[in-house]
């Protein structure tokens, strides 16, 4: 019996030209595209003339979308999963869907279509050795936040890499300064691949002063060497 393929597809983190030819190919041939944010994915698909049906499948989705994917895969159809930006499963939804299909339909192929990722993009232009690094994703918003930052002191594999949103980046600068000191060096990558892309290095105290108002907007990658 033939089964379909679940493609885990990386999509642009800003510049739509960063989509790969292979990603476009599998998205155009897909029977269904499962998306973290259908609004973002519809814009991408419209830009490239992709007409496959798009359904919501974010971190809060129930198993309905998973079962729909399973049915199509069992019928030898292809299914694509994308997040709103970057590589699925890297601080974005994706792992639950993959786990479900691996358990419920182990005969189906699950294939990665690699591409953009903010963490590797930031490290490649930070001027910091990244033979090894510790990626920590987004810090907790409330519960466990203080413990999260306190535990950074015992992590020996450097650099440390975090994601942060514009709404909490100042709070994160404060928490990092509390743990490491205000004179600790940091590299901040903001709005990667977008019009206002910026990569800046300085102290935590300087970062807190610099990234306010317009410069405090956008998605951030924070790197502590």
C-alpha atoms as a PDB file:
ATOM      1  CA  UNK A   1       0.000   0.000   0.000  1.00  0.00           C
ATOM      2  CA  UNK A   2       1.278   3.462  -0.888  1.00  0.00           C
ATOM      3  CA  UNK A   3       1.241   6.323   1.588  1.00  0.00           C
ATOM      4  CA  UNK A   4       1.703  10.031   1.170  1.00  0.00           C
ATOM      5  CA  UNK A   5       4.440  12.311   2.456  1.00  0.00           C
ATOM      6  CA  UNK A   6       4.274  14.910   5.211  1.00  0.00           C
ATOM      7  CA  UNK A   7       6.610  17.767   4.315  1.00  0.00           C
ATOM      8  CA  UNK A   8       7.895  20.016   7.107  1.00  0.00           C
ATOM      9  CA  UNK A   9       8.696  23.160   5.161  1.00  0.00           C
ATOM     10  CA  UNK A  10      10.793  26.146   6.239  1.00  0.00           C
ATOM     11  CA  UNK A  11       9.419  29.485   5.044  1.00  0.00           C
ATOM     12  CA  UNK A  12      10.919  33.006   4.888  1.00  0.00           C
ATOM     13  CA  UNK A  13      11.466  34.906   8.132  1.00  0.00           C
ATOM     14  CA  UNK A  14      10.904  38.197   6.339  1.00  0.00           C
ATOM     15  CA  UNK A  15      12.089  38.413   2.750  1.00  0.00           C
ATOM     16  CA  UNK A  16       9.767  36.353   0.545  1.00  0.00           C
ATOM     17  CA  UNK A  17      12.629  35.728  -1.890  1.00  0.00           C
ATOM     18  CA  UNK A  18      14.220  33.425   0.692  1.00  0.00           C
ATOM     19  CA  UNK A  19      11.769  30.624  -0.123  1.00  0.00           C
ATOM     20  CA  UNK A  20      13.535  27.654  -1.735  1.00  0.00           C
ATOM     21  CA  UNK A  21      12.641  26.209  -5.118  1.00  0.00           C
ATOM     22  CA  UNK A  22      11.977  22.866  -3.457  1.00  0.00           C
ATOM     23  CA  UNK A  23       9.630  24.450  -0.918  1.00  0.00           C
ATOM     24  CA  UNK A  24       7.623  26.057  -3.717  1.00  0.00           C
ATOM     25  CA  UNK A  25       7.472  22.773  -5.582  1.00  0.00           C
ATOM     26  CA  UNK A  26       6.101  20.695  -2.699  1.00  0.00           C
ATOM     27  CA  UNK A  27       3.657  23.429  -1.643  1.00  0.00           C
ATOM     28  CA  UNK A  28       2.249  23.642  -5.177  1.00  0.00           C
ATOM     29  CA  UNK A  29       1.757  19.873  -5.325  1.00  0.00           C
ATOM     30  CA  UNK A  30       0.350  19.490  -1.803  1.00  0.00           C
ATOM     31  CA  UNK A  31      -3.207  18.341  -1.227  1.00  0.00           C
ATOM     32  CA  UNK A  32      -3.302  20.363   2.005  1.00  0.00           C
ATOM     33  CA  UNK A  33      -1.151  22.996   3.699  1.00  0.00           C
ATOM     34  CA  UNK A  34      -1.367  23.101   7.495  1.00  0.00           C
ATOM     35  CA  UNK A  35      -0.288  26.501   8.792  1.00  0.00           C
ATOM     36  CA  UNK A  36       0.411  28.085  12.163  1.00  0.00           C
ATOM     37  CA  UNK A  37      -1.048  31.379  10.916  1.00  0.00           C
ATOM     38  CA  UNK A  38      -3.272  31.037   7.852  1.00  0.00           C
ATOM     39  CA  UNK A  39      -3.198  34.784   7.187  1.00  0.00           C
ATOM     40  CA  UNK A  40       0.581  34.834   6.798  1.00  0.00           C
ATOM     41  CA  UNK A  41       0.640  31.642   4.746  1.00  0.00           C
ATOM     42  CA  UNK A  42      -2.121  32.862   2.421  1.00  0.00           C
ATOM     43  CA  UNK A  43      -0.032  35.946   1.611  1.00  0.00           C
ATOM     44  CA  UNK A  44       2.983  33.759   0.818  1.00  0.00           C
ATOM     45  CA  UNK A  45       0.894  31.410  -1.327  1.00  0.00           C
ATOM     46  CA  UNK A  46      -0.777  34.263  -3.176  1.00  0.00           C
ATOM     47  CA  UNK A  47       2.624  35.779  -3.956  1.00  0.00           C
ATOM     48  CA  UNK A  48       3.791  32.541  -5.588  1.00  0.00           C
ATOM     49  CA  UNK A  49       0.524  31.355  -7.117  1.00  0.00           C
ATOM     50  CA  UNK A  50       0.056  28.406  -4.752  1.00  0.00           C
ATOM     51  CA  UNK A  51      -3.578  27.290  -4.677  1.00  0.00           C
ATOM     52  CA  UNK A  52      -3.534  24.341  -2.266  1.00  0.00           C
ATOM     53  CA  UNK A  53      -6.150  24.482   0.531  1.00  0.00           C
ATOM     54  CA  UNK A  54      -4.810  25.997   3.782  1.00  0.00           C
ATOM     55  CA  UNK A  55      -6.014  25.021   7.246  1.00  0.00           C
ATOM     56  CA  UNK A  56      -5.033  26.293  10.694  1.00  0.00           C
ATOM     57  CA  UNK A  57      -2.738  24.109  12.775  1.00  0.00           C
ATOM     58  CA  UNK A  58      -1.079  26.150  15.517  1.00  0.00           C
ATOM     59  CA  UNK A  59       0.163  25.302  18.994  1.00  0.00           C
ATOM     60  CA  UNK A  60      -3.388  25.347  20.368  1.00  0.00           C
ATOM     61  CA  UNK A  61      -4.951  23.231  17.627  1.00  0.00           C
ATOM     62  CA  UNK A  62      -6.800  20.078  18.551  1.00  0.00           C
ATOM     63  CA  UNK A  63      -6.287  16.711  16.917  1.00  0.00           C
ATOM     64  CA  UNK A  64      -8.799  17.467  14.161  1.00  0.00           C
ATOM     65  CA  UNK A  65      -6.132  18.908  11.877  1.00  0.00           C
ATOM     66  CA  UNK A  66      -3.833  16.018  12.721  1.00  0.00           C
ATOM     67  CA  UNK A  67      -6.508  13.482  11.762  1.00  0.00           C
ATOM     68  CA  UNK A  68      -7.194  15.326   8.531  1.00  0.00           C
ATOM     69  CA  UNK A  69      -3.500  15.059   7.682  1.00  0.00           C
ATOM     70  CA  UNK A  70      -3.505  11.364   8.586  1.00  0.00           C
ATOM     71  CA  UNK A  71      -6.466  10.667   6.294  1.00  0.00           C
ATOM     72  CA  UNK A  72      -4.794  12.353   3.338  1.00  0.00           C
ATOM     73  CA  UNK A  73      -1.470  10.619   3.961  1.00  0.00           C
ATOM     74  CA  UNK A  74      -3.229   7.258   4.193  1.00  0.00           C
ATOM     75  CA  UNK A  75      -4.767   8.078   0.794  1.00  0.00           C
ATOM     76  CA  UNK A  76      -1.285   8.648  -0.697  1.00  0.00           C
ATOM     77  CA  UNK A  77      -1.692  12.443  -0.775  1.00  0.00           C
ATOM     78  CA  UNK A  78       0.984  14.909   0.273  1.00  0.00           C
ATOM     79  CA  UNK A  79       0.577  17.328   3.176  1.00  0.00           C
ATOM     80  CA  UNK A  80       2.713  20.368   3.979  1.00  0.00           C
ATOM     81  CA  UNK A  81       3.180  21.937   7.399  1.00  0.00           C
ATOM     82  CA  UNK A  82       4.532  25.480   7.774  1.00  0.00           C
ATOM     83  CA  UNK A  83       4.830  27.996  10.592  1.00  0.00           C
ATOM     84  CA  UNK A  84       4.361  31.719  10.040  1.00  0.00           C
ATOM     85  CA  UNK A  85       8.131  32.118   9.592  1.00  0.00           C
ATOM     86  CA  UNK A  86      11.236  29.956   9.723  1.00  0.00           C
ATOM     87  CA  UNK A  87      11.645  26.257  10.396  1.00  0.00           C
ATOM     88  CA  UNK A  88       8.745  24.387  12.050  1.00  0.00           C
ATOM     89  CA  UNK A  89       9.540  22.934  15.453  1.00  0.00           C
ATOM     90  CA  UNK A  90      12.240  25.504  16.261  1.00  0.00           C
ATOM     91  CA  UNK A  91      10.429  27.618  18.869  1.00  0.00           C
ATOM     92  CA  UNK A  92       7.337  27.134  16.710  1.00  0.00           C
ATOM     93  CA  UNK A  93       4.626  24.465  16.457  1.00  0.00           C
ATOM     94  CA  UNK A  94       5.336  21.277  14.544  1.00  0.00           C
ATOM     95  CA  UNK A  95       6.572  18.605  16.905  1.00  0.00           C
ATOM     96  CA  UNK A  96       3.071  17.525  18.001  1.00  0.00           C
ATOM     97  CA  UNK A  97       1.956  16.939  14.418  1.00  0.00           C
ATOM     98  CA  UNK A  98       5.104  14.994  13.578  1.00  0.00           C
ATOM     99  CA  UNK A  99       4.776  12.897  16.736  1.00  0.00           C
ATOM    100  CA  UNK A 100       1.105  12.161  15.968  1.00  0.00           C
ATOM    101  CA  UNK A 101       1.834  10.963  12.423  1.00  0.00           C
ATOM    102  CA  UNK A 102       4.834   8.887  13.525  1.00  0.00           C
ATOM    103  CA  UNK A 103       2.633   7.071  16.033  1.00  0.00           C
ATOM    104  CA  UNK A 104      -0.652   6.890  14.116  1.00  0.00           C
ATOM    105  CA  UNK A 105       0.704   6.280  10.620  1.00  0.00           C
ATOM    106  CA  UNK A 106       4.317   5.113  10.855  1.00  0.00           C
ATOM    107  CA  UNK A 107       4.310   4.007   7.213  1.00  0.00           C
ATOM    108  CA  UNK A 108       4.027   7.597   5.969  1.00  0.00           C
ATOM    109  CA  UNK A 109       7.157   9.469   4.999  1.00  0.00           C
ATOM    110  CA  UNK A 110       8.035  12.625   6.940  1.00  0.00           C
ATOM    111  CA  UNK A 111      10.465  14.822   5.041  1.00  0.00           C
ATOM    112  CA  UNK A 112      12.178  18.074   6.042  1.00  0.00           C
ATOM    113  CA  UNK A 113      12.430  20.813   3.421  1.00  0.00           C
ATOM    114  CA  UNK A 114      15.121  22.979   5.032  1.00  0.00           C
ATOM    115  CA  UNK A 115      15.468  26.705   4.702  1.00  0.00           C
ATOM    116  CA  UNK A 116      15.372  29.901   6.781  1.00  0.00           C
ATOM    117  CA  UNK A 117      15.927  29.900  10.542  1.00  0.00           C
ATOM    118  CA  UNK A 118      16.479  33.054  12.580  1.00  0.00           C
ATOM    119  CA  UNK A 119      18.905  31.400  15.018  1.00  0.00           C
ATOM    120  CA  UNK A 120      21.367  30.246  12.358  1.00  0.00           C
ATOM    121  CA  UNK A 121      20.965  33.463  10.347  1.00  0.00           C
ATOM    122  CA  UNK A 122      21.817  35.579  13.404  1.00  0.00           C
ATOM    123  CA  UNK A 123      24.795  33.451  14.429  1.00  0.00           C
ATOM    124  CA  UNK A 124      26.238  33.543  10.909  1.00  0.00           C
ATOM    125  CA  UNK A 125      26.604  37.346  11.004  1.00  0.00           C
ATOM    126  CA  UNK A 126      27.246  37.935  14.716  1.00  0.00           C
ATOM    127  CA  UNK A 127      31.017  37.576  14.548  1.00  0.00           C
ATOM    128  CA  UNK A 128      30.886  35.032  17.372  1.00  0.00           C
ATOM    129  CA  UNK A 129      32.249  31.502  17.188  1.00  0.00           C
ATOM    130  CA  UNK A 130      29.311  29.107  16.901  1.00  0.00           C
ATOM    131  CA  UNK A 131      31.055  25.742  16.694  1.00  0.00           C
ATOM    132  CA  UNK A 132      28.922  25.044  19.747  1.00  0.00           C
ATOM    133  CA  UNK A 133      26.068  27.094  21.172  1.00  0.00           C
ATOM    134  CA  UNK A 134      23.094  26.786  23.509  1.00  0.00           C
ATOM    135  CA  UNK A 135      19.747  27.714  22.003  1.00  0.00           C
ATOM    136  CA  UNK A 136      17.073  28.548  24.565  1.00  0.00           C
ATOM    137  CA  UNK A 137      14.165  29.804  22.452  1.00  0.00           C
ATOM    138  CA  UNK A 138      11.758  32.259  24.083  1.00  0.00           C
ATOM    139  CA  UNK A 139      12.069  32.798  27.859  1.00  0.00           C
ATOM    140  CA  UNK A 140       8.935  31.993  29.886  1.00  0.00           C
ATOM    141  CA  UNK A 141       6.521  34.909  30.157  1.00  0.00           C
ATOM    142  CA  UNK A 142       5.684  34.484  33.849  1.00  0.00           C
ATOM    143  CA  UNK A 143       5.865  31.095  35.573  1.00  0.00           C
ATOM    144  CA  UNK A 144       9.442  29.866  35.826  1.00  0.00           C
ATOM    145  CA  UNK A 145      10.928  33.053  34.373  1.00  0.00           C
ATOM    146  CA  UNK A 146      13.231  33.887  37.280  1.00  0.00           C
ATOM    147  CA  UNK A 147      14.469  30.301  37.477  1.00  0.00           C
ATOM    148  CA  UNK A 148      15.063  30.284  33.719  1.00  0.00           C
ATOM    149  CA  UNK A 149      17.394  33.285  33.912  1.00  0.00           C
ATOM    150  CA  UNK A 150      19.140  32.163  37.096  1.00  0.00           C
ATOM    151  CA  UNK A 151      19.920  28.811  35.452  1.00  0.00           C
ATOM    152  CA  UNK A 152      21.782  30.550  32.624  1.00  0.00           C
ATOM    153  CA  UNK A 153      24.728  30.988  34.965  1.00  0.00           C
ATOM    154  CA  UNK A 154      25.465  27.259  34.994  1.00  0.00           C
ATOM    155  CA  UNK A 155      25.307  26.740  31.219  1.00  0.00           C
ATOM    156  CA  UNK A 156      28.867  26.272  29.967  1.00  0.00           C
ATOM    157  CA  UNK A 157      28.292  25.873  26.227  1.00  0.00           C
ATOM    158  CA  UNK A 158      28.456  29.346  24.693  1.00  0.00           C
ATOM    159  CA  UNK A 159      27.220  31.472  23.064  1.00  0.00           C
ATOM    160  CA  UNK A 160      23.743  31.576  24.576  1.00  0.00           C
ATOM    161  CA  UNK A 161      21.026  32.357  22.020  1.00  0.00           C
ATOM    162  CA  UNK A 162      17.490  33.497  22.860  1.00  0.00           C
ATOM    163  CA  UNK A 163      14.495  34.706  20.910  1.00  0.00           C
ATOM    164  CA  UNK A 164      12.426  37.603  22.202  1.00  0.00           C
ATOM    165  CA  UNK A 165       9.405  39.646  21.128  1.00  0.00           C
ATOM    166  CA  UNK A 166       9.346  43.461  21.082  1.00  0.00           C
ATOM    167  CA  UNK A 167       6.851  43.469  23.957  1.00  0.00           C
ATOM    168  CA  UNK A 168       9.248  41.763  26.366  1.00  0.00           C
ATOM    169  CA  UNK A 169      12.723  42.579  25.082  1.00  0.00           C
ATOM    170  CA  UNK A 170      13.323  45.355  27.641  1.00  0.00           C
ATOM    171  CA  UNK A 171      12.275  43.065  30.460  1.00  0.00           C
ATOM    172  CA  UNK A 172      14.655  40.425  29.138  1.00  0.00           C
ATOM    173  CA  UNK A 173      17.544  42.902  29.001  1.00  0.00           C
ATOM    174  CA  UNK A 174      16.789  43.697  32.670  1.00  0.00           C
ATOM    175  CA  UNK A 175      16.693  40.010  33.642  1.00  0.00           C
ATOM    176  CA  UNK A 176      19.951  39.279  31.833  1.00  0.00           C
ATOM    177  CA  UNK A 177      21.599  42.288  33.489  1.00  0.00           C
ATOM    178  CA  UNK A 178      20.403  41.101  36.897  1.00  0.00           C
ATOM    179  CA  UNK A 179      22.061  37.719  36.352  1.00  0.00           C
ATOM    180  CA  UNK A 180      25.197  38.643  34.400  1.00  0.00           C
ATOM    181  CA  UNK A 181      25.712  42.346  35.169  1.00  0.00           C
ATOM    182  CA  UNK A 182      24.972  45.484  33.144  1.00  0.00           C
ATOM    183  CA  UNK A 183      28.413  45.494  31.480  1.00  0.00           C
ATOM    184  CA  UNK A 184      28.005  42.022  29.970  1.00  0.00           C
ATOM    185  CA  UNK A 185      28.403  41.984  26.191  1.00  0.00           C
ATOM    186  CA  UNK A 186      25.463  41.077  23.963  1.00  0.00           C
ATOM    187  CA  UNK A 187      24.764  40.942  20.243  1.00  0.00           C
ATOM    188  CA  UNK A 188      21.250  41.874  19.168  1.00  0.00           C
ATOM    189  CA  UNK A 189      19.876  40.866  15.755  1.00  0.00           C
ATOM    190  CA  UNK A 190      16.591  42.538  14.877  1.00  0.00           C
ATOM    191  CA  UNK A 191      14.228  42.221  11.899  1.00  0.00           C
ATOM    192  CA  UNK A 192      16.506  39.788  10.048  1.00  0.00           C
ATOM    193  CA  UNK A 193      16.051  39.791   6.223  1.00  0.00           C
ATOM    194  CA  UNK A 194      13.581  42.701   6.491  1.00  0.00           C
ATOM    195  CA  UNK A 195      13.869  46.372   5.528  1.00  0.00           C
ATOM    196  CA  UNK A 196      15.047  47.508   8.969  1.00  0.00           C
ATOM    197  CA  UNK A 197      17.436  44.617   9.629  1.00  0.00           C
ATOM    198  CA  UNK A 198      20.009  45.466  12.273  1.00  0.00           C
ATOM    199  CA  UNK A 199      22.845  43.605  13.981  1.00  0.00           C
ATOM    200  CA  UNK A 200      24.316  45.479  16.931  1.00  0.00           C
ATOM    201  CA  UNK A 201      26.818  44.647  19.696  1.00  0.00           C
ATOM    202  CA  UNK A 202      27.384  46.347  23.034  1.00  0.00           C
ATOM    203  CA  UNK A 203      26.651  45.948  26.730  1.00  0.00           C
ATOM    204  CA  UNK A 204      23.318  44.981  28.240  1.00  0.00           C
ATOM    205  CA  UNK A 205      23.011  48.469  29.664  1.00  0.00           C
ATOM    206  CA  UNK A 206      23.617  50.011  26.222  1.00  0.00           C
ATOM    207  CA  UNK A 207      21.166  47.579  24.624  1.00  0.00           C
ATOM    208  CA  UNK A 208      18.432  48.615  27.028  1.00  0.00           C
ATOM    209  CA  UNK A 209      18.997  52.269  26.114  1.00  0.00           C
ATOM    210  CA  UNK A 210      19.251  51.670  22.367  1.00  0.00           C
ATOM    211  CA  UNK A 211      16.288  49.423  21.627  1.00  0.00           C
ATOM    212  CA  UNK A 212      13.393  51.684  22.492  1.00  0.00           C
ATOM    213  CA  UNK A 213      10.635  53.277  20.405  1.00  0.00           C
ATOM    214  CA  UNK A 214      11.062  52.349  16.721  1.00  0.00           C
ATOM    215  CA  UNK A 215      14.245  50.374  17.370  1.00  0.00           C
ATOM    216  CA  UNK A 216      12.370  48.346  19.954  1.00  0.00           C
ATOM    217  CA  UNK A 217      10.028  46.925  17.343  1.00  0.00           C
ATOM    218  CA  UNK A 218      10.414  43.652  15.458  1.00  0.00           C
ATOM    219  CA  UNK A 219      11.528  40.171  16.365  1.00  0.00           C
ATOM    220  CA  UNK A 220      14.814  39.808  18.234  1.00  0.00           C
ATOM    221  CA  UNK A 221      17.608  37.239  18.441  1.00  0.00           C
ATOM    222  CA  UNK A 222      19.823  37.844  21.491  1.00  0.00           C
ATOM    223  CA  UNK A 223      23.323  36.356  21.601  1.00  0.00           C
ATOM    224  CA  UNK A 224      25.536  36.336  24.686  1.00  0.00           C
ATOM    225  CA  UNK A 225      29.105  35.297  23.681  1.00  0.00           C
END
